[in-house]
Amino acid sequence: MKEPWSIKSRARECVESGDAFQSGQKIRAAIFPDPESSGYLRKDYTIEAWENRAGEENPFSCWLTTYEPPVTEEKAEDVVEDDPETLLKRLVDEEEEHTENARYILAVMLERKKLLRETDTQEIPSGILRIYEHRKSGDVYIIKDPQISLTDVDRVQEEVRQLLDPSATAAEETTEKIEPTDGNSPENLTKIQPSSKDEEE
């Protein structure tokens, strides 16, 4: 079943006070269950507003983060269509159940490259959700952990390689050995194991 865990963008002002956030300001980000769907809502607060909030339900997840103004969009010619970050955004927006494993692998890849940081882990009836925040944009990705077994890691990484490079031939996909590296390209996809949360932003 499709579950609405779309990307949650950071607000420019406090949801409670309406005060505009300033570059470098510490703020509190929180995820709440959406009463109108089975998904989640994001709300951003100044520290003072968060500490003084009353009568509101407890958040599903919350964390301290640093506000930075929205990043200027890249020029179209500078965007790499099939890079891991772009692919993850597309798969999260599409929310297709069969890409669950690929979304998780891509999120771990981007965490290892210090583009995402894991801010929280929550258990729900259908499994484990990992909350990732983009270090620059502040966008939040809610990714279900599919609990990939060690025996399935190679197969899932092959699926990700095919998504990143659909033009690759079947022979290349099945015979090429994946070597450890820090690169982004399908040929450089590393053997990935989940890592612990970053201690620093």
N, C-alpha and C. Protein backbone atom coordinates (compact mmCIF):
# COMPACT_ATOMS: atom_id res chain seq x y z
N MET A 1 0.84 -1.19 0.00
CA MET A 1 0.00 0.00 0.00
C MET A 1 0.88 1.24 0.00
N LYS A 2 0.54 2.24 -0.81
CA LYS A 2 1.30 3.48 -0.90
C LYS A 2 1.09 4.29 0.38
N GLU A 3 2.18 4.76 1.01
CA GLU A 3 2.09 5.54 2.22
C GLU A 3 2.67 6.93 1.96
N PRO A 4 1.94 8.01 2.30
CA PRO A 4 2.33 9.36 1.93
C PRO A 4 3.44 9.95 2.80
N TRP A 5 4.67 9.62 2.48
CA TRP A 5 5.82 10.15 3.23
C TRP A 5 6.61 11.08 2.33
N SER A 6 5.97 12.10 1.79
CA SER A 6 6.63 12.99 0.85
C SER A 6 7.69 13.84 1.54
N ILE A 7 8.50 14.53 0.73
CA ILE A 7 9.56 15.39 1.25
C ILE A 7 8.92 16.58 1.97
N LYS A 8 9.43 16.89 3.16
CA LYS A 8 8.91 18.01 3.95
C LYS A 8 9.91 19.16 3.90
N SER A 9 9.50 20.28 3.33
CA SER A 9 10.40 21.43 3.18
C SER A 9 10.40 22.30 4.43
N ARG A 10 11.53 22.95 4.69
CA ARG A 10 11.68 23.82 5.85
C ARG A 10 10.94 25.14 5.62
N ALA A 11 10.27 25.63 6.66
CA ALA A 11 9.55 26.90 6.57
C ALA A 11 10.52 28.07 6.71
N ARG A 12 10.08 29.24 6.27
CA ARG A 12 10.89 30.45 6.39
C ARG A 12 10.57 31.23 7.65
N GLU A 13 9.50 30.86 8.32
CA GLU A 13 9.10 31.57 9.54
C GLU A 13 8.50 30.60 10.54
N CYS A 14 8.46 31.03 11.80
CA CYS A 14 7.93 30.20 12.88
C CYS A 14 6.43 30.00 12.71
N VAL A 15 5.99 28.76 12.81
CA VAL A 15 4.57 28.45 12.64
C VAL A 15 3.74 29.04 13.77
N GLU A 16 4.35 29.27 14.93
CA GLU A 16 3.62 29.75 16.10
C GLU A 16 3.61 31.28 16.18
N SER A 17 4.78 31.90 16.09
CA SER A 17 4.89 33.35 16.27
C SER A 17 4.83 34.14 14.97
N GLY A 18 5.14 33.48 13.86
CA GLY A 18 5.19 34.18 12.58
C GLY A 18 6.49 34.92 12.34
N ASP A 19 7.42 34.85 13.30
CA ASP A 19 8.71 35.53 13.14
C ASP A 19 9.53 34.86 12.05
N ALA A 20 10.13 35.68 11.19
CA ALA A 20 10.97 35.14 10.12
C ALA A 20 12.27 34.60 10.71
N PHE A 21 12.70 33.45 10.22
CA PHE A 21 13.97 32.89 10.67
C PHE A 21 15.13 33.64 10.03
N GLN A 22 16.25 33.72 10.77
CA GLN A 22 17.45 34.36 10.28
C GLN A 22 18.51 33.32 9.97
N SER A 23 19.37 33.62 9.00
CA SER A 23 20.44 32.70 8.63
C SER A 23 21.30 32.37 9.84
N GLY A 24 21.52 31.07 10.08
CA GLY A 24 22.33 30.62 11.20
C GLY A 24 21.57 30.46 12.50
N GLN A 25 20.28 30.79 12.51
CA GLN A 25 19.48 30.70 13.73
C GLN A 25 19.15 29.25 14.06
N LYS A 26 19.29 28.89 15.34
CA LYS A 26 18.88 27.57 15.80
C LYS A 26 17.37 27.53 15.91
N ILE A 27 16.76 26.53 15.32
CA ILE A 27 15.31 26.38 15.37
C ILE A 27 14.96 24.94 15.70
N ARG A 28 13.70 24.74 16.03
CA ARG A 28 13.21 23.39 16.33
C ARG A 28 12.30 22.94 15.20
N ALA A 29 12.65 21.82 14.58
CA ALA A 29 11.82 21.23 13.53
C ALA A 29 11.05 20.06 14.13
N ALA A 30 9.82 19.89 13.72
CA ALA A 30 8.99 18.81 14.28
C ALA A 30 8.09 18.22 13.20
N ILE A 31 7.87 16.92 13.31
CA ILE A 31 6.96 16.20 12.42
C ILE A 31 5.77 15.72 13.24
N PHE A 32 4.56 16.03 12.76
CA PHE A 32 3.33 15.62 13.43
C PHE A 32 2.49 14.75 12.50
N PRO A 33 1.71 13.82 13.06
CA PRO A 33 0.76 13.08 12.22
C PRO A 33 -0.23 14.04 11.59
N ASP A 34 -0.53 13.82 10.33
CA ASP A 34 -1.50 14.65 9.61
C ASP A 34 -2.91 14.14 9.93
N PRO A 35 -3.75 14.94 10.59
CA PRO A 35 -5.09 14.47 10.96
C PRO A 35 -5.99 14.21 9.76
N GLU A 36 -5.61 14.73 8.59
CA GLU A 36 -6.44 14.57 7.40
C GLU A 36 -5.96 13.46 6.47
N SER A 37 -4.87 12.78 6.84
CA SER A 37 -4.37 11.69 6.00
C SER A 37 -3.55 10.76 6.88
N SER A 38 -2.95 9.74 6.26
CA SER A 38 -2.09 8.83 7.01
C SER A 38 -0.64 9.28 6.96
N GLY A 39 -0.40 10.50 6.46
CA GLY A 39 0.95 11.02 6.34
C GLY A 39 1.35 11.89 7.52
N TYR A 40 2.28 12.81 7.25
CA TYR A 40 2.83 13.65 8.32
C TYR A 40 2.94 15.09 7.86
N LEU A 41 2.91 16.01 8.85
CA LEU A 41 3.08 17.43 8.61
C LEU A 41 4.35 17.90 9.30
N ARG A 42 5.05 18.83 8.67
CA ARG A 42 6.22 19.42 9.30
C ARG A 42 5.89 20.82 9.80
N LYS A 43 6.40 21.16 10.99
CA LYS A 43 6.27 22.51 11.53
C LYS A 43 7.62 22.95 12.08
N ASP A 44 7.96 24.22 11.86
CA ASP A 44 9.23 24.76 12.34
C ASP A 44 8.95 25.89 13.34
N TYR A 45 9.73 25.90 14.43
CA TYR A 45 9.51 26.85 15.51
C TYR A 45 10.81 27.55 15.90
N THR A 46 10.67 28.80 16.42
CA THR A 46 11.80 29.38 17.13
C THR A 46 11.94 28.60 18.43
N ILE A 47 13.11 28.65 19.04
CA ILE A 47 13.31 27.93 20.30
C ILE A 47 12.33 28.40 21.36
N GLU A 48 12.13 29.72 21.45
CA GLU A 48 11.22 30.28 22.45
C GLU A 48 9.79 29.81 22.22
N ALA A 49 9.34 29.84 20.98
CA ALA A 49 7.97 29.41 20.67
C ALA A 49 7.78 27.93 20.98
N TRP A 50 8.80 27.14 20.70
CA TRP A 50 8.71 25.70 20.98
C TRP A 50 8.58 25.46 22.48
N GLU A 51 9.38 26.17 23.27
CA GLU A 51 9.36 25.98 24.72
C GLU A 51 8.06 26.46 25.34
N ASN A 52 7.39 27.43 24.70
CA ASN A 52 6.17 28.00 25.26
C ASN A 52 4.89 27.42 24.66
N ARG A 53 5.03 26.49 23.72
CA ARG A 53 3.83 25.93 23.09
C ARG A 53 3.04 25.14 24.13
N ALA A 54 1.73 25.22 24.03
CA ALA A 54 0.87 24.54 25.00
C ALA A 54 -0.36 24.01 24.29
N GLY A 55 -0.84 22.87 24.77
CA GLY A 55 -2.08 22.31 24.26
C GLY A 55 -1.97 21.61 22.93
N GLU A 56 -0.76 21.54 22.38
CA GLU A 56 -0.58 20.86 21.09
C GLU A 56 -0.11 19.43 21.33
N GLU A 57 -0.51 18.53 20.46
CA GLU A 57 -0.12 17.13 20.62
C GLU A 57 1.39 16.95 20.54
N ASN A 58 1.86 15.85 21.09
CA ASN A 58 3.27 15.54 21.03
C ASN A 58 3.67 15.23 19.60
N PRO A 59 4.86 15.66 19.19
CA PRO A 59 5.29 15.40 17.81
C PRO A 59 5.67 13.94 17.61
N PHE A 60 5.58 13.49 16.38
CA PHE A 60 6.06 12.16 16.02
C PHE A 60 7.58 12.13 16.11
N SER A 61 8.20 13.24 15.72
CA SER A 61 9.66 13.37 15.77
C SER A 61 10.01 14.85 15.84
N CYS A 62 11.09 15.20 16.55
CA CYS A 62 11.53 16.59 16.58
C CYS A 62 13.03 16.64 16.79
N TRP A 63 13.66 17.72 16.36
CA TRP A 63 15.11 17.86 16.49
C TRP A 63 15.50 19.32 16.36
N LEU A 64 16.69 19.63 16.86
CA LEU A 64 17.25 20.97 16.75
C LEU A 64 18.03 21.07 15.45
N THR A 65 17.84 22.16 14.73
CA THR A 65 18.54 22.34 13.47
C THR A 65 18.91 23.80 13.28
N THR A 66 19.68 24.10 12.27
CA THR A 66 20.11 25.46 11.98
C THR A 66 19.45 25.94 10.69
N TYR A 67 18.80 27.09 10.77
CA TYR A 67 18.12 27.62 9.58
C TYR A 67 19.11 28.28 8.64
N GLU A 68 18.98 27.96 7.38
CA GLU A 68 19.70 28.64 6.31
C GLU A 68 18.68 29.00 5.23
N PRO A 69 18.81 30.16 4.61
CA PRO A 69 17.86 30.55 3.55
C PRO A 69 17.84 29.51 2.44
N PRO A 70 16.73 29.42 1.72
CA PRO A 70 16.63 28.44 0.62
C PRO A 70 17.77 28.60 -0.36
N VAL A 71 18.29 27.47 -0.82
CA VAL A 71 19.39 27.48 -1.77
C VAL A 71 18.86 27.87 -3.14
N THR A 72 19.57 28.75 -3.83
CA THR A 72 19.18 29.14 -5.18
C THR A 72 19.20 27.92 -6.09
N GLU A 73 18.13 27.73 -6.85
CA GLU A 73 18.04 26.56 -7.72
C GLU A 73 19.15 26.59 -8.76
N GLU A 74 19.69 25.40 -9.04
CA GLU A 74 20.74 25.28 -10.05
C GLU A 74 20.16 25.53 -11.44
N LYS A 75 21.01 26.01 -12.34
CA LYS A 75 20.60 26.14 -13.72
C LYS A 75 20.33 24.77 -14.30
N ALA A 76 19.37 24.70 -15.21
CA ALA A 76 18.96 23.41 -15.77
C ALA A 76 20.14 22.63 -16.33
N GLU A 77 21.09 23.34 -16.98
CA GLU A 77 22.20 22.62 -17.60
C GLU A 77 23.18 22.07 -16.58
N ASP A 78 23.10 22.58 -15.32
CA ASP A 78 24.02 22.11 -14.29
C ASP A 78 23.48 20.91 -13.52
N VAL A 79 22.21 20.60 -13.70
CA VAL A 79 21.60 19.51 -12.96
C VAL A 79 21.89 18.18 -13.65
N VAL A 80 22.40 17.23 -12.87
CA VAL A 80 22.65 15.89 -13.40
C VAL A 80 21.38 15.07 -13.21
N GLU A 81 20.78 14.65 -14.31
CA GLU A 81 19.45 14.04 -14.26
C GLU A 81 19.42 12.79 -13.40
N ASP A 82 20.45 11.97 -13.47
CA ASP A 82 20.39 10.68 -12.79
C ASP A 82 21.33 10.59 -11.60
N ASP A 83 21.64 11.72 -10.93
CA ASP A 83 22.48 11.62 -9.75
C ASP A 83 21.64 11.10 -8.59
N PRO A 84 22.26 10.52 -7.54
CA PRO A 84 21.51 9.89 -6.45
C PRO A 84 20.51 10.82 -5.76
N GLU A 85 20.88 12.09 -5.55
CA GLU A 85 19.97 13.01 -4.87
C GLU A 85 18.71 13.28 -5.69
N THR A 86 18.87 13.53 -6.97
CA THR A 86 17.72 13.77 -7.85
C THR A 86 16.84 12.54 -7.93
N LEU A 87 17.47 11.37 -8.02
CA LEU A 87 16.71 10.12 -8.10
C LEU A 87 15.93 9.88 -6.83
N LEU A 88 16.55 10.13 -5.66
CA LEU A 88 15.84 9.93 -4.40
C LEU A 88 14.62 10.85 -4.31
N LYS A 89 14.78 12.11 -4.69
CA LYS A 89 13.64 13.04 -4.66
C LYS A 89 12.50 12.52 -5.54
N ARG A 90 12.85 12.04 -6.71
CA ARG A 90 11.81 11.55 -7.63
C ARG A 90 11.10 10.33 -7.07
N LEU A 91 11.86 9.40 -6.52
CA LEU A 91 11.26 8.17 -5.99
C LEU A 91 10.39 8.46 -4.77
N VAL A 92 10.82 9.40 -3.92
CA VAL A 92 10.02 9.76 -2.75
C VAL A 92 8.72 10.43 -3.20
N ASP A 93 8.80 11.31 -4.19
CA ASP A 93 7.60 11.97 -4.70
C ASP A 93 6.63 10.97 -5.32
N GLU A 94 7.17 9.97 -6.02
CA GLU A 94 6.33 8.97 -6.69
C GLU A 94 5.71 8.00 -5.69
N GLU A 95 6.42 7.71 -4.59
CA GLU A 95 5.91 6.86 -3.51
C GLU A 95 5.45 5.49 -3.99
N GLU A 96 6.20 4.89 -4.91
CA GLU A 96 5.86 3.55 -5.39
C GLU A 96 6.44 2.51 -4.44
N GLU A 97 5.61 1.55 -4.05
CA GLU A 97 6.03 0.57 -3.05
C GLU A 97 7.25 -0.24 -3.51
N HIS A 98 7.34 -0.53 -4.81
CA HIS A 98 8.42 -1.38 -5.30
C HIS A 98 9.78 -0.68 -5.28
N THR A 99 9.81 0.65 -5.01
CA THR A 99 11.10 1.35 -4.93
C THR A 99 11.54 1.59 -3.49
N GLU A 100 10.87 0.96 -2.55
CA GLU A 100 11.19 1.15 -1.13
C GLU A 100 12.64 0.83 -0.81
N ASN A 101 13.13 -0.30 -1.32
CA ASN A 101 14.52 -0.69 -1.07
C ASN A 101 15.49 0.32 -1.67
N ALA A 102 15.21 0.76 -2.89
CA ALA A 102 16.09 1.70 -3.58
C ALA A 102 16.13 3.03 -2.84
N ARG A 103 15.00 3.49 -2.33
CA ARG A 103 14.97 4.76 -1.60
C ARG A 103 15.87 4.69 -0.36
N TYR A 104 15.80 3.57 0.32
CA TYR A 104 16.61 3.42 1.53
C TYR A 104 18.10 3.41 1.18
N ILE A 105 18.48 2.65 0.17
CA ILE A 105 19.89 2.59 -0.23
C ILE A 105 20.39 3.96 -0.66
N LEU A 106 19.59 4.69 -1.42
CA LEU A 106 19.99 6.03 -1.86
C LEU A 106 20.14 6.98 -0.67
N ALA A 107 19.25 6.88 0.31
CA ALA A 107 19.35 7.73 1.50
C ALA A 107 20.63 7.45 2.26
N VAL A 108 20.99 6.17 2.39
CA VAL A 108 22.23 5.82 3.09
C VAL A 108 23.44 6.33 2.31
N MET A 109 23.39 6.21 0.98
CA MET A 109 24.47 6.74 0.14
C MET A 109 24.68 8.23 0.40
N LEU A 110 23.58 8.98 0.42
CA LEU A 110 23.67 10.43 0.59
C LEU A 110 24.07 10.81 2.01
N GLU A 111 23.71 9.96 2.97
CA GLU A 111 24.17 10.20 4.35
C GLU A 111 25.68 10.02 4.43
N ARG A 112 26.19 8.98 3.79
CA ARG A 112 27.63 8.74 3.78
C ARG A 112 28.39 9.87 3.11
N LYS A 113 27.76 10.53 2.14
CA LYS A 113 28.40 11.64 1.44
C LYS A 113 28.17 12.97 2.15
N LYS A 114 27.56 12.91 3.34
CA LYS A 114 27.32 14.09 4.17
C LYS A 114 26.35 15.08 3.54
N LEU A 115 25.48 14.60 2.66
CA LEU A 115 24.43 15.45 2.10
C LEU A 115 23.17 15.38 2.96
N LEU A 116 22.92 14.21 3.55
CA LEU A 116 21.81 14.02 4.47
C LEU A 116 22.36 13.68 5.85
N ARG A 117 21.57 13.98 6.87
CA ARG A 117 21.90 13.50 8.21
C ARG A 117 20.65 12.85 8.81
N GLU A 118 20.84 11.75 9.49
CA GLU A 118 19.71 11.07 10.12
C GLU A 118 19.42 11.74 11.45
N THR A 119 18.22 12.26 11.62
CA THR A 119 17.87 12.98 12.83
C THR A 119 17.09 12.14 13.83
N ASP A 120 16.46 11.08 13.37
CA ASP A 120 15.63 10.29 14.28
C ASP A 120 15.26 8.96 13.63
N THR A 121 14.86 8.01 14.47
CA THR A 121 14.32 6.72 14.04
C THR A 121 13.07 6.45 14.85
N GLN A 122 11.98 6.07 14.19
CA GLN A 122 10.73 5.81 14.88
C GLN A 122 10.13 4.50 14.39
N GLU A 123 9.54 3.77 15.33
CA GLU A 123 8.85 2.53 14.98
C GLU A 123 7.37 2.81 14.80
N ILE A 124 6.79 2.26 13.74
CA ILE A 124 5.36 2.32 13.49
C ILE A 124 4.89 0.88 13.26
N PRO A 125 3.58 0.65 13.26
CA PRO A 125 3.09 -0.73 13.09
C PRO A 125 3.62 -1.44 11.85
N SER A 126 3.86 -0.70 10.77
CA SER A 126 4.31 -1.35 9.53
C SER A 126 5.83 -1.42 9.39
N GLY A 127 6.58 -0.93 10.39
CA GLY A 127 8.03 -1.03 10.30
C GLY A 127 8.75 0.13 10.97
N ILE A 128 9.97 0.40 10.52
CA ILE A 128 10.81 1.45 11.09
C ILE A 128 10.94 2.60 10.09
N LEU A 129 10.74 3.82 10.57
CA LEU A 129 10.93 5.00 9.75
C LEU A 129 12.20 5.72 10.18
N ARG A 130 13.01 6.10 9.20
CA ARG A 130 14.22 6.89 9.47
C ARG A 130 13.99 8.30 8.92
N ILE A 131 14.28 9.29 9.76
CA ILE A 131 14.08 10.68 9.39
C ILE A 131 15.42 11.27 8.99
N TYR A 132 15.52 11.74 7.75
CA TYR A 132 16.75 12.35 7.24
C TYR A 132 16.49 13.82 6.91
N GLU A 133 17.47 14.67 7.25
CA GLU A 133 17.39 16.08 6.90
C GLU A 133 18.52 16.43 5.94
N HIS A 134 18.17 17.16 4.87
CA HIS A 134 19.20 17.61 3.93
C HIS A 134 19.99 18.72 4.60
N ARG A 135 21.30 18.60 4.61
CA ARG A 135 22.13 19.54 5.35
C ARG A 135 22.05 20.97 4.82
N LYS A 136 21.83 21.16 3.53
CA LYS A 136 21.79 22.50 2.96
C LYS A 136 20.38 23.07 2.88
N SER A 137 19.47 22.32 2.29
CA SER A 137 18.13 22.83 2.06
C SER A 137 17.21 22.71 3.27
N GLY A 138 17.53 21.78 4.18
CA GLY A 138 16.67 21.54 5.32
C GLY A 138 15.50 20.63 5.01
N ASP A 139 15.35 20.20 3.76
CA ASP A 139 14.27 19.28 3.40
C ASP A 139 14.38 18.00 4.22
N VAL A 140 13.23 17.46 4.60
CA VAL A 140 13.19 16.23 5.39
C VAL A 140 12.63 15.09 4.55
N TYR A 141 13.34 13.97 4.60
CA TYR A 141 12.92 12.76 3.90
C TYR A 141 12.53 11.72 4.96
N ILE A 142 11.33 11.20 4.86
CA ILE A 142 10.89 10.13 5.75
C ILE A 142 11.02 8.83 4.96
N ILE A 143 11.99 8.01 5.37
CA ILE A 143 12.33 6.81 4.61
C ILE A 143 12.05 5.56 5.45
N LYS A 144 11.29 4.65 4.89
CA LYS A 144 11.03 3.39 5.59
C LYS A 144 12.24 2.48 5.45
N ASP A 145 12.69 1.92 6.57
CA ASP A 145 13.80 0.98 6.57
C ASP A 145 13.26 -0.40 6.21
N PRO A 146 13.59 -0.92 5.03
CA PRO A 146 13.04 -2.21 4.60
C PRO A 146 13.72 -3.41 5.24
N GLN A 147 14.68 -3.14 6.14
CA GLN A 147 15.40 -4.24 6.82
C GLN A 147 15.97 -5.22 5.80
N ILE A 148 16.78 -4.70 4.89
CA ILE A 148 17.37 -5.52 3.84
C ILE A 148 18.35 -6.52 4.43
N SER A 149 18.19 -7.78 4.10
CA SER A 149 19.09 -8.81 4.61
C SER A 149 20.42 -8.74 3.86
N LEU A 150 21.47 -9.24 4.49
CA LEU A 150 22.80 -9.21 3.86
C LEU A 150 22.80 -9.93 2.52
N THR A 151 21.99 -10.98 2.42
CA THR A 151 21.96 -11.75 1.17
C THR A 151 21.29 -10.97 0.03
N ASP A 152 20.52 -9.92 0.37
CA ASP A 152 19.82 -9.16 -0.66
C ASP A 152 20.50 -7.84 -1.02
N VAL A 153 21.56 -7.48 -0.28
CA VAL A 153 22.20 -6.18 -0.50
C VAL A 153 22.70 -6.03 -1.94
N ASP A 154 23.39 -7.05 -2.46
CA ASP A 154 23.93 -6.96 -3.82
C ASP A 154 22.81 -6.77 -4.84
N ARG A 155 21.72 -7.51 -4.67
CA ARG A 155 20.60 -7.41 -5.62
C ARG A 155 19.98 -6.01 -5.59
N VAL A 156 19.80 -5.46 -4.40
CA VAL A 156 19.20 -4.13 -4.28
C VAL A 156 20.12 -3.07 -4.87
N GLN A 157 21.43 -3.21 -4.65
CA GLN A 157 22.36 -2.24 -5.22
C GLN A 157 22.37 -2.31 -6.74
N GLU A 158 22.16 -3.50 -7.29
CA GLU A 158 22.04 -3.63 -8.74
C GLU A 158 20.80 -2.89 -9.24
N GLU A 159 19.70 -2.97 -8.47
CA GLU A 159 18.48 -2.27 -8.84
C GLU A 159 18.73 -0.76 -8.87
N VAL A 160 19.48 -0.26 -7.87
CA VAL A 160 19.78 1.16 -7.81
C VAL A 160 20.66 1.57 -8.99
N ARG A 161 21.63 0.74 -9.33
CA ARG A 161 22.51 1.03 -10.47
C ARG A 161 21.71 1.14 -11.76
N GLN A 162 20.73 0.26 -11.92
CA GLN A 162 19.91 0.29 -13.12
C GLN A 162 19.05 1.55 -13.17
N LEU A 163 18.59 2.01 -12.00
CA LEU A 163 17.80 3.25 -11.96
C LEU A 163 18.67 4.46 -12.28
N LEU A 164 19.92 4.43 -11.82
CA LEU A 164 20.84 5.54 -12.08
C LEU A 164 21.33 5.54 -13.52
N ASP A 165 21.43 4.34 -14.12
CA ASP A 165 21.95 4.22 -15.48
C ASP A 165 21.13 3.21 -16.26
N PRO A 166 19.89 3.57 -16.64
CA PRO A 166 19.01 2.62 -17.33
C PRO A 166 19.52 2.18 -18.69
N SER A 167 20.51 2.89 -19.25
CA SER A 167 21.02 2.54 -20.57
C SER A 167 22.07 1.44 -20.52
N ALA A 168 22.50 1.07 -19.31
CA ALA A 168 23.53 0.03 -19.20
C ALA A 168 22.99 -1.29 -19.73
N THR A 169 23.82 -2.06 -20.37
CA THR A 169 23.39 -3.35 -20.92
C THR A 169 23.27 -4.37 -19.81
N ALA A 170 22.45 -5.37 -20.06
CA ALA A 170 22.25 -6.42 -19.06
C ALA A 170 23.56 -7.13 -18.75
N ALA A 171 24.39 -7.32 -19.76
CA ALA A 171 25.67 -8.00 -19.54
C ALA A 171 26.56 -7.20 -18.61
N GLU A 172 26.61 -5.88 -18.81
CA GLU A 172 27.44 -5.04 -17.96
C GLU A 172 26.92 -5.03 -16.54
N GLU A 173 25.60 -5.03 -16.40
CA GLU A 173 24.99 -4.96 -15.08
C GLU A 173 25.26 -6.22 -14.26
N THR A 174 25.38 -7.36 -14.92
CA THR A 174 25.55 -8.61 -14.19
C THR A 174 27.00 -9.03 -14.03
N THR A 175 27.91 -8.50 -14.83
CA THR A 175 29.30 -8.94 -14.76
C THR A 175 30.24 -7.93 -14.15
N GLU A 176 29.86 -6.66 -14.15
CA GLU A 176 30.77 -5.64 -13.63
C GLU A 176 30.85 -5.71 -12.12
N LYS A 177 32.04 -5.69 -11.57
CA LYS A 177 32.24 -5.75 -10.13
C LYS A 177 32.18 -4.35 -9.56
N ILE A 178 31.48 -4.18 -8.44
CA ILE A 178 31.37 -2.88 -7.81
C ILE A 178 32.53 -2.71 -6.85
N GLU A 179 33.36 -1.70 -7.09
CA GLU A 179 34.52 -1.45 -6.24
C GLU A 179 34.20 -0.34 -5.25
N PRO A 180 34.72 -0.43 -3.98
CA PRO A 180 34.49 0.62 -2.99
C PRO A 180 35.07 1.95 -3.46
N THR A 181 34.27 3.02 -3.34
CA THR A 181 34.72 4.36 -3.70
C THR A 181 33.75 5.36 -3.12
N ASP A 182 34.06 6.64 -3.25
CA ASP A 182 33.16 7.67 -2.75
C ASP A 182 32.37 8.33 -3.87
N GLY A 183 32.48 7.82 -5.10
CA GLY A 183 31.87 8.49 -6.25
C GLY A 183 30.37 8.35 -6.29
N ASN A 184 29.74 9.12 -7.17
CA ASN A 184 28.29 9.15 -7.31
C ASN A 184 27.78 8.27 -8.43
N SER A 185 28.63 7.97 -9.42
CA SER A 185 28.15 7.30 -10.62
C SER A 185 27.77 5.86 -10.35
N PRO A 186 26.93 5.26 -11.21
CA PRO A 186 26.53 3.87 -11.02
C PRO A 186 27.72 2.94 -10.94
N GLU A 187 28.78 3.23 -11.71
CA GLU A 187 29.95 2.37 -11.68
C GLU A 187 30.66 2.43 -10.33
N ASN A 188 30.39 3.52 -9.58
CA ASN A 188 31.09 3.72 -8.32
C ASN A 188 30.21 3.46 -7.11
N LEU A 189 29.07 2.80 -7.30
CA LEU A 189 28.18 2.51 -6.19
C LEU A 189 28.86 1.59 -5.20
N THR A 190 28.92 2.00 -3.94
CA THR A 190 29.67 1.25 -2.94
C THR A 190 28.81 0.21 -2.26
N LYS A 191 29.49 -0.73 -1.62
CA LYS A 191 28.79 -1.67 -0.76
C LYS A 191 28.32 -0.89 0.45
N ILE A 192 27.02 -0.87 0.68
CA ILE A 192 26.48 0.02 1.69
C ILE A 192 25.92 -0.77 2.86
N GLN A 193 26.28 -0.34 4.05
CA GLN A 193 25.69 -0.83 5.27
C GLN A 193 25.19 0.38 6.05
N PRO A 194 24.05 0.29 6.74
CA PRO A 194 23.52 1.43 7.47
C PRO A 194 24.54 1.92 8.50
N SER A 195 24.65 3.25 8.65
CA SER A 195 25.58 3.83 9.61
C SER A 195 24.80 4.46 10.75
N SER A 196 25.50 4.77 11.84
CA SER A 196 24.86 5.40 12.98
C SER A 196 24.60 6.86 12.68
N LYS A 197 23.75 7.52 13.49
CA LYS A 197 23.42 8.92 13.28
C LYS A 197 24.66 9.78 13.45
N ASP A 198 24.72 10.87 12.70
CA ASP A 198 25.80 11.83 12.87
C ASP A 198 25.61 12.53 14.21
N GLU A 199 26.68 12.81 14.90
CA GLU A 199 26.58 13.53 16.16
C GLU A 199 26.58 15.02 15.94
N GLU A 200 27.10 15.45 14.77
CA GLU A 200 27.16 16.88 14.49
C GLU A 200 26.26 17.19 13.32
N GLU A 201 25.79 18.43 13.24
CA GLU A 201 24.96 18.85 12.11
C GLU A 201 25.81 18.96 10.88
